[in-house]
Amino acid sequence: YKSADDVARALGTSPVDGIVISSNFNAGFGRLGWRRRKILRLGLPLFSILDGEQRVSLLAHELAHGVNGDPNRGFFVGTAISSLAGWHYLLRPSRIWQSDVGSFAFGAALGNIVSLGLSYFAWLGAFVLSHLLWHDSQRAEYLADQLAAQVGGIDTAHATVDKLHYSSMFTQAVRT
């Protein structure tokens, strides 16, 4: 938290409200809930292979998303995209035909087909919103990279990005 607070101060923004440690080889920043609390998500596998300066660069990049006005993290658009993705996940059945429901199998299959169709409408909405904002999202990533380089240094930012390419090796090691 102290490091994240120091980086937030260097970026001229308020500190994060919470840090979530995950098992993913990634990091992220978002605003959650009605109060729009700033949450920093750090994947332990990624964070553990970075040295001190690279950790600062990663923190700066993620916190910069809260500074640069990324539309995908905004209240209305961010909530719309995540809600549509959540509806897709909720409505999408795991399978169409369920033989374990006995005489209701045909009705259950029909209901699952309708639910599948509705889930695709939610997915399509999230897809369209994400693609309409693609250029703005790219701009936000570049601005986050620029702010991270200002806080942590250009060479450190490059080294941090290089280590992000280890994701496939991490995934393969976990599968093995």
Protein backbone atom coordinates (compact mmCIF):
# COMPACT_ATOMS: atom_id res chain seq x y z
CA TYR A 1 0.00 0.00 0.00
CA LYS A 2 2.85 2.38 0.76
CA SER A 3 4.35 1.89 -2.69
CA ALA A 4 0.96 2.33 -4.36
CA ASP A 5 0.36 5.49 -2.30
CA ASP A 6 3.77 6.88 -3.27
CA VAL A 7 3.12 6.21 -6.95
CA ALA A 8 -0.35 7.75 -6.72
CA ARG A 9 1.18 10.84 -5.14
CA ALA A 10 3.75 11.04 -7.96
CA LEU A 11 0.91 10.85 -10.50
CA GLY A 12 -1.07 13.52 -8.67
CA THR A 13 -4.03 11.29 -7.85
CA SER A 14 -5.62 9.96 -4.71
CA PRO A 15 -4.49 6.63 -3.27
CA VAL A 16 -6.29 3.38 -4.04
CA ASP A 17 -9.04 2.12 -1.77
CA GLY A 18 -8.01 -1.49 -2.05
CA ILE A 19 -5.54 -3.92 -3.56
CA VAL A 20 -6.60 -7.37 -4.71
CA ILE A 21 -3.98 -10.07 -5.16
CA SER A 22 -4.89 -12.63 -7.82
CA SER A 23 -3.35 -15.74 -9.32
CA ASN A 24 -3.37 -14.27 -12.85
CA PHE A 25 -0.29 -13.19 -14.75
CA ASN A 26 -1.67 -9.67 -15.14
CA ALA A 27 -2.53 -6.45 -13.37
CA GLY A 28 -5.44 -4.08 -13.62
CA PHE A 29 -7.16 -1.00 -12.27
CA GLY A 30 -10.84 -0.29 -11.91
CA ARG A 31 -13.48 1.63 -10.05
CA LEU A 32 -16.04 -0.57 -8.36
CA GLY A 33 -19.38 -0.08 -6.69
CA TRP A 34 -21.62 2.94 -6.30
CA ARG A 35 -18.86 4.83 -4.53
CA ARG A 36 -16.50 4.12 -7.41
CA ARG A 37 -13.75 2.86 -5.12
CA LYS A 38 -10.35 2.63 -6.75
CA ILE A 39 -9.21 -0.99 -6.79
CA LEU A 40 -5.80 -2.15 -7.96
CA ARG A 41 -5.59 -5.81 -9.02
CA LEU A 42 -2.12 -7.36 -8.97
CA GLY A 43 -1.38 -10.83 -10.25
CA LEU A 44 1.11 -12.42 -7.89
CA PRO A 45 2.93 -14.41 -10.61
CA LEU A 46 3.65 -11.23 -12.59
CA PHE A 47 4.38 -9.04 -9.58
CA SER A 48 6.81 -11.61 -8.12
CA ILE A 49 9.13 -11.60 -11.17
CA LEU A 50 9.49 -7.81 -11.24
CA ASP A 51 12.26 -5.99 -9.41
CA GLY A 52 11.56 -2.91 -7.27
CA GLU A 53 11.74 -0.34 -10.08
CA GLN A 54 9.64 -2.50 -12.41
CA ARG A 55 7.00 -2.85 -9.69
CA VAL A 56 6.85 0.94 -9.47
CA SER A 57 6.48 1.11 -13.25
CA LEU A 58 3.66 -1.44 -13.21
CA LEU A 59 1.87 0.38 -10.38
CA ALA A 60 2.29 3.68 -12.25
CA HIS A 61 0.86 2.21 -15.45
CA GLU A 62 -2.21 0.78 -13.73
CA LEU A 63 -2.86 3.85 -11.58
CA ALA A 64 -2.43 6.06 -14.65
CA HIS A 65 -5.63 4.53 -16.00
CA GLY A 66 -7.43 6.38 -13.23
CA VAL A 67 -5.75 9.64 -14.24
CA ASN A 68 -6.05 9.66 -18.03
CA GLY A 69 -9.83 9.33 -18.44
CA ASP A 70 -10.05 5.84 -19.91
CA PRO A 71 -13.68 5.57 -21.10
CA ASN A 72 -13.85 1.83 -20.43
CA ARG A 73 -13.26 2.53 -16.75
CA GLY A 74 -15.81 5.32 -16.52
CA PHE A 75 -19.04 5.03 -14.56
CA PHE A 76 -21.54 4.74 -17.40
CA VAL A 77 -19.60 2.99 -20.15
CA GLY A 78 -17.54 0.78 -17.85
CA THR A 79 -20.63 -0.26 -15.93
CA ALA A 80 -22.52 -0.93 -19.18
CA ILE A 81 -19.79 -3.14 -20.61
CA SER A 82 -19.29 -5.11 -17.40
CA SER A 83 -23.05 -5.47 -16.91
CA LEU A 84 -23.55 -6.79 -20.43
CA ALA A 85 -20.65 -9.20 -19.97
CA GLY A 86 -22.18 -10.32 -16.67
CA TRP A 87 -25.58 -10.86 -18.31
CA HIS A 88 -23.91 -12.91 -21.05
CA TYR A 89 -22.21 -15.09 -18.46
CA LEU A 90 -25.41 -15.44 -16.43
CA LEU A 91 -27.71 -16.28 -19.35
CA ARG A 92 -25.41 -18.62 -21.27
CA PRO A 93 -26.33 -22.24 -20.44
CA SER A 94 -23.53 -24.75 -19.95
CA ARG A 95 -25.26 -27.14 -22.36
CA ILE A 96 -28.47 -27.25 -24.38
CA TRP A 97 -29.73 -30.78 -23.78
CA GLN A 98 -29.95 -31.99 -20.21
CA SER A 99 -30.94 -35.63 -19.95
CA ASP A 100 -31.03 -35.56 -16.15
CA VAL A 101 -34.32 -33.59 -15.99
CA GLY A 102 -36.41 -36.54 -17.20
CA SER A 103 -39.70 -35.75 -18.88
CA PHE A 104 -38.91 -32.03 -18.84
CA ALA A 105 -35.85 -32.47 -21.08
CA PHE A 106 -37.53 -31.02 -24.19
CA GLY A 107 -38.85 -27.97 -22.30
CA ALA A 108 -35.49 -27.45 -20.61
CA ALA A 109 -33.70 -27.66 -23.97
CA LEU A 110 -36.10 -25.11 -25.45
CA GLY A 111 -35.54 -22.80 -22.48
CA ASN A 112 -31.77 -23.21 -22.83
CA ILE A 113 -31.95 -22.29 -26.53
CA VAL A 114 -33.89 -19.11 -25.69
CA SER A 115 -31.43 -18.31 -22.89
CA LEU A 116 -28.50 -18.88 -25.27
CA GLY A 117 -30.04 -16.48 -27.80
CA LEU A 118 -30.52 -13.81 -25.12
CA SER A 119 -26.95 -14.27 -23.93
CA TYR A 120 -25.71 -13.50 -27.43
CA PHE A 121 -27.63 -10.21 -27.45
CA ALA A 122 -25.80 -9.22 -24.24
CA TRP A 123 -22.47 -10.34 -25.72
CA LEU A 124 -23.16 -8.40 -28.91
CA GLY A 125 -23.89 -5.23 -26.92
CA ALA A 126 -20.62 -5.53 -24.98
CA PHE A 127 -18.75 -6.32 -28.19
CA VAL A 128 -20.16 -3.28 -30.02
CA LEU A 129 -19.45 -0.92 -27.12
CA SER A 130 -15.90 -2.21 -26.76
CA HIS A 131 -15.20 -1.84 -30.46
CA LEU A 132 -16.71 1.62 -30.68
CA LEU A 133 -14.31 2.68 -27.93
CA TRP A 134 -11.27 0.83 -29.30
CA HIS A 135 -9.39 3.97 -30.36
CA ASP A 136 -10.06 5.65 -27.03
CA SER A 137 -8.88 2.53 -25.21
CA GLN A 138 -5.65 2.49 -27.23
CA ARG A 139 -5.14 6.17 -26.44
CA ALA A 140 -5.65 5.43 -22.74
CA GLU A 141 -3.05 2.62 -22.88
CA TYR A 142 -0.50 4.89 -24.55
CA LEU A 143 -1.10 7.63 -22.00
CA ALA A 144 -0.73 5.12 -19.19
CA ASP A 145 2.56 3.94 -20.73
CA GLN A 146 3.75 7.54 -20.98
CA LEU A 147 2.89 8.31 -17.36
CA ALA A 148 4.53 5.07 -16.21
CA ALA A 149 7.71 6.02 -18.10
CA GLN A 150 7.68 9.46 -16.47
CA VAL A 151 7.35 7.98 -12.99
CA GLY A 152 9.59 4.91 -13.31
CA GLY A 153 11.86 5.73 -16.24
CA ILE A 154 11.78 4.66 -19.88
CA ASP A 155 14.20 1.73 -19.56
CA THR A 156 12.29 0.36 -16.58
CA ALA A 157 8.99 0.68 -18.44
CA HIS A 158 10.47 -1.26 -21.38
CA ALA A 159 11.78 -3.99 -19.08
CA THR A 160 8.39 -4.26 -17.38
CA VAL A 161 6.58 -4.61 -20.71
CA ASP A 162 9.11 -7.24 -21.79
CA LYS A 163 8.26 -9.33 -18.73
CA LEU A 164 4.58 -9.20 -19.64
CA HIS A 165 5.48 -11.43 -22.59
CA TYR A 166 6.25 -14.26 -20.14
CA SER A 167 2.50 -14.84 -19.76
CA SER A 168 2.41 -17.74 -22.23
CA MET A 169 5.37 -19.43 -20.51
CA PHE A 170 3.62 -19.04 -17.14
CA THR A 171 0.40 -20.53 -18.55
CA GLN A 172 2.31 -23.45 -20.06
CA ALA A 173 4.15 -24.09 -16.77
CA VAL A 174 0.88 -24.13 -14.83
CA ARG A 175 -0.71 -26.52 -17.34
CA THR A 176 2.31 -28.82 -17.22
